Amino acid sequence: MSRNWEKINRQIDTFIENNQNEIIENVCRLVGIPSVEEKGCTAYPYGVKCAEALDFCAELAKEKGLIVDNYDYYGLEIRLQKEQSGKRLLFAAHADVVPASEGNLYPPFQGIVDKGYIIGRGVVDDKAPLIALLYALAFLKEEELIPMNDIRLFVGSHEETDMEDLKYYLKERGSRSLELQRMMIFRLRMVRKAC
């Protein structure tokens, strides 16, 4: 491993150590928003709570110095800089969750830390990974490690239902349908590996 990579790995370790409690707290705060689709809401496409989850993510990203664009509450685009060059790499995560079932051992929308685990609705799918991606961008920004390529994070709010949020974003962003197909293939591969 080159010295440069060793240095970056030390920077990553230091960043995680310095931000661990904040990261956990923000995962818990996001889990505390019951971002279940609300049908019939006229103010937001997927309801007030899905919009609240997007607002939470947008504010956190802005606090970290990241650029945020809200796509009519279908989703957010978060990036390092206003203008970026190179090939685009789009990471996709989502802040919506399926409704809570009855008979839970823990309250589904409190984000409780117990025995080293964060417990709550949507922690694994997909709120903790979303916060991890956001902090990965924050790390790059803080350390001024601007990649050669155009790295973006899409935060959706309708993945649990039909992914119309991602389709809307790609349409509004002017991306080709091929990019959507690549994302779908990537997500399918990730699901297969997880099973």
Protein backbone atom coordinates (compact mmCIF):
# COMPACT_ATOMS: atom_id res chain seq x y z
CA MET A 1 0.00 0.00 0.00
CA SER A 2 1.41 3.39 -0.90
CA ARG A 3 2.13 6.02 1.73
CA ASN A 4 -0.62 8.21 0.28
CA TRP A 5 -3.25 5.49 0.88
CA GLU A 6 -1.88 4.86 4.35
CA LYS A 7 -2.27 8.56 5.11
CA ILE A 8 -5.84 8.59 3.78
CA ASN A 9 -6.69 5.49 5.83
CA ARG A 10 -5.39 7.25 8.97
CA GLN A 11 -7.47 10.33 8.07
CA ILE A 12 -10.55 8.13 7.68
CA ASP A 13 -9.93 6.43 11.04
CA THR A 14 -9.49 9.82 12.74
CA PHE A 15 -12.63 11.21 11.08
CA ILE A 16 -14.71 8.23 12.21
CA GLU A 17 -13.31 8.40 15.74
CA ASN A 18 -14.02 12.14 15.97
CA ASN A 19 -17.53 11.85 14.51
CA GLN A 20 -18.75 8.47 15.75
CA ASN A 21 -21.12 9.76 18.43
CA GLU A 22 -22.52 12.41 16.08
CA ILE A 23 -23.07 9.82 13.34
CA ILE A 24 -24.91 7.51 15.74
CA GLU A 25 -27.00 10.41 17.05
CA ASN A 26 -27.99 11.44 13.52
CA VAL A 27 -28.94 7.90 12.55
CA CYS A 28 -31.15 7.80 15.66
CA ARG A 29 -32.66 11.19 14.84
CA LEU A 30 -33.48 10.08 11.28
CA VAL A 31 -34.96 6.81 12.55
CA GLY A 32 -37.12 8.96 14.85
CA ILE A 33 -38.91 10.38 11.82
CA PRO A 34 -41.67 7.92 10.83
CA SER A 35 -41.16 8.49 7.11
CA VAL A 36 -43.87 6.17 5.86
CA GLU A 37 -45.67 7.12 2.64
CA GLU A 38 -48.77 9.20 3.29
CA LYS A 39 -51.26 8.80 0.45
CA GLY A 40 -53.45 11.75 -0.42
CA CYS A 41 -51.10 14.45 0.86
CA THR A 42 -51.31 17.44 -1.46
CA ALA A 43 -48.41 19.43 0.00
CA TYR A 44 -45.71 16.80 -0.66
CA PRO A 45 -45.62 13.88 -3.10
CA TYR A 46 -45.13 11.22 -0.39
CA GLY A 47 -46.41 12.96 2.70
CA VAL A 48 -45.28 15.25 5.49
CA LYS A 49 -43.03 12.75 7.29
CA CYS A 50 -41.17 11.74 4.11
CA ALA A 51 -40.62 15.46 3.45
CA GLU A 52 -39.43 15.93 7.04
CA ALA A 53 -36.85 13.15 6.58
CA LEU A 54 -35.57 14.82 3.39
CA ASP A 55 -35.39 18.18 5.18
CA PHE A 56 -33.37 16.57 7.99
CA CYS A 57 -30.90 15.11 5.48
CA ALA A 58 -30.67 18.41 3.58
CA GLU A 59 -29.91 20.40 6.73
CA LEU A 60 -27.29 17.90 7.87
CA ALA A 61 -25.61 17.98 4.45
CA LYS A 62 -25.58 21.79 4.44
CA GLU A 63 -24.07 21.81 7.95
CA LYS A 64 -21.25 19.70 6.52
CA GLY A 65 -20.65 22.19 3.70
CA LEU A 66 -22.20 20.06 0.98
CA ILE A 67 -24.33 21.32 -1.92
CA VAL A 68 -27.98 20.21 -1.80
CA ASP A 69 -30.70 20.38 -4.43
CA ASN A 70 -34.26 19.40 -3.53
CA TYR A 71 -36.17 17.82 -6.40
CA ASP A 72 -39.70 18.81 -5.37
CA TYR A 73 -39.56 16.49 -2.33
CA TYR A 74 -39.21 13.43 -4.54
CA GLY A 75 -35.61 13.37 -3.39
CA LEU A 76 -32.38 15.26 -2.82
CA GLU A 77 -29.13 15.46 -4.71
CA ILE A 78 -26.10 16.01 -2.47
CA ARG A 79 -22.67 16.73 -3.90
CA LEU A 80 -19.26 18.06 -2.90
CA GLN A 81 -19.09 21.17 -5.08
CA LYS A 82 -21.37 23.31 -7.19
CA GLU A 83 -19.54 22.36 -10.39
CA GLN A 84 -17.99 18.92 -10.71
CA SER A 85 -16.28 17.25 -13.65
CA GLY A 86 -15.38 13.75 -14.72
CA LYS A 87 -17.58 10.70 -14.95
CA ARG A 88 -20.62 10.76 -12.74
CA LEU A 89 -20.97 8.23 -9.96
CA LEU A 90 -24.39 8.33 -8.36
CA PHE A 91 -24.95 6.65 -5.01
CA ALA A 92 -28.61 6.10 -4.18
CA ALA A 93 -30.10 5.78 -0.72
CA HIS A 94 -33.57 6.39 0.67
CA ALA A 95 -35.15 7.87 3.77
CA ASP A 96 -38.59 6.25 3.52
CA VAL A 97 -39.59 3.12 5.41
CA VAL A 98 -42.36 0.56 5.37
CA PRO A 99 -45.04 0.88 8.08
CA ALA A 100 -44.19 -0.56 11.49
CA SER A 101 -45.73 -3.86 12.47
CA GLU A 102 -47.34 -4.66 15.80
CA GLY A 103 -45.59 -6.36 18.69
CA ASN A 104 -42.13 -4.82 18.44
CA LEU A 105 -39.70 -5.32 21.32
CA TYR A 106 -38.49 -1.73 20.86
CA PRO A 107 -40.43 1.35 19.73
CA PRO A 108 -39.95 1.41 15.95
CA PHE A 109 -39.41 5.16 15.60
CA GLN A 110 -37.08 6.04 18.46
CA GLY A 111 -33.66 4.94 17.30
CA ILE A 112 -32.44 3.24 20.45
CA VAL A 113 -28.82 2.15 21.00
CA ASP A 114 -28.69 -1.17 22.86
CA LYS A 115 -25.66 -3.45 23.28
CA GLY A 116 -23.80 -1.61 20.53
CA TYR A 117 -26.63 -1.75 17.98
CA ILE A 118 -28.94 0.97 16.73
CA ILE A 119 -32.46 -0.42 16.77
CA GLY A 120 -35.46 1.02 14.97
CA ARG A 121 -37.48 1.00 11.77
CA GLY A 122 -35.28 1.55 8.74
CA VAL A 123 -31.87 1.41 10.43
CA VAL A 124 -30.52 -1.18 7.97
CA ASP A 125 -32.84 -0.32 5.07
CA ASP A 126 -31.71 2.40 4.52
CA LYS A 127 -31.22 5.15 7.10
CA ALA A 128 -27.83 4.15 8.56
CA PRO A 129 -26.30 3.52 5.12
CA LEU A 130 -27.71 6.88 3.98
CA ILE A 131 -26.05 8.69 6.91
CA ALA A 132 -22.81 6.76 6.26
CA LEU A 133 -22.78 7.93 2.63
CA LEU A 134 -23.50 11.50 3.69
CA TYR A 135 -20.61 11.43 6.17
CA ALA A 136 -18.34 9.89 3.53
CA LEU A 137 -18.98 12.97 1.37
CA ALA A 138 -18.47 15.17 4.44
CA PHE A 139 -15.10 13.48 5.01
CA LEU A 140 -13.99 14.20 1.44
CA LYS A 141 -15.10 17.83 1.81
CA GLU A 142 -13.46 18.32 5.22
CA GLU A 143 -10.15 16.79 4.10
CA GLU A 144 -10.31 18.63 0.75
CA LEU A 145 -10.00 15.32 -1.09
CA ILE A 146 -11.97 16.27 -4.18
CA PRO A 147 -12.15 13.26 -6.52
CA MET A 148 -11.46 13.45 -10.24
CA ASN A 149 -14.98 12.22 -10.90
CA ASP A 150 -18.40 13.68 -10.19
CA ILE A 151 -19.67 11.91 -7.04
CA ARG A 152 -23.27 12.52 -6.01
CA LEU A 153 -25.68 11.10 -3.47
CA PHE A 154 -29.36 10.79 -4.30
CA VAL A 155 -31.62 10.55 -1.25
CA GLY A 156 -35.03 9.27 -2.26
CA SER A 157 -38.30 9.07 -0.41
CA HIS A 158 -40.28 6.41 -2.29
CA GLU A 159 -37.96 3.43 -2.73
CA GLU A 160 -40.09 1.18 -0.56
CA THR A 161 -43.03 1.54 -2.95
CA ASP A 162 -42.02 1.95 -6.59
CA MET A 163 -38.84 4.07 -6.93
CA GLU A 164 -40.74 6.81 -8.76
CA ASP A 165 -38.56 9.22 -6.75
CA LEU A 166 -35.41 8.07 -8.57
CA LYS A 167 -37.17 8.09 -11.94
CA TYR A 168 -38.36 11.67 -11.30
CA TYR A 169 -34.84 12.75 -10.32
CA LEU A 170 -33.24 11.20 -13.40
CA LYS A 171 -35.87 12.79 -15.64
CA GLU A 172 -35.47 16.24 -14.05
CA ARG A 173 -31.67 15.96 -13.95
CA GLY A 174 -31.62 15.12 -17.63
CA SER A 175 -29.99 11.75 -17.16
CA ARG A 176 -30.43 9.03 -19.71
CA SER A 177 -32.51 5.96 -18.93
CA LEU A 178 -29.31 3.90 -19.24
CA GLU A 179 -28.14 5.41 -15.94
CA LEU A 180 -31.34 4.23 -14.28
CA GLN A 181 -30.80 0.74 -15.69
CA ARG A 182 -27.25 0.69 -14.33
CA MET A 183 -28.52 1.75 -10.91
CA MET A 184 -31.17 -0.96 -10.94
CA ILE A 185 -28.57 -3.61 -11.89
CA PHE A 186 -26.24 -2.37 -9.15
CA ARG A 187 -29.03 -2.46 -6.54
CA LEU A 188 -30.01 -6.00 -7.65
CA ARG A 189 -26.42 -7.20 -7.33
CA MET A 190 -26.18 -5.68 -3.86
CA VAL A 191 -29.41 -7.40 -2.82
CA ARG A 192 -28.15 -10.75 -4.09
CA LYS A 193 -24.90 -10.38 -2.15
CA ALA A 194 -26.83 -9.52 1.03
CA CYS A 195 -28.99 -12.66 0.81
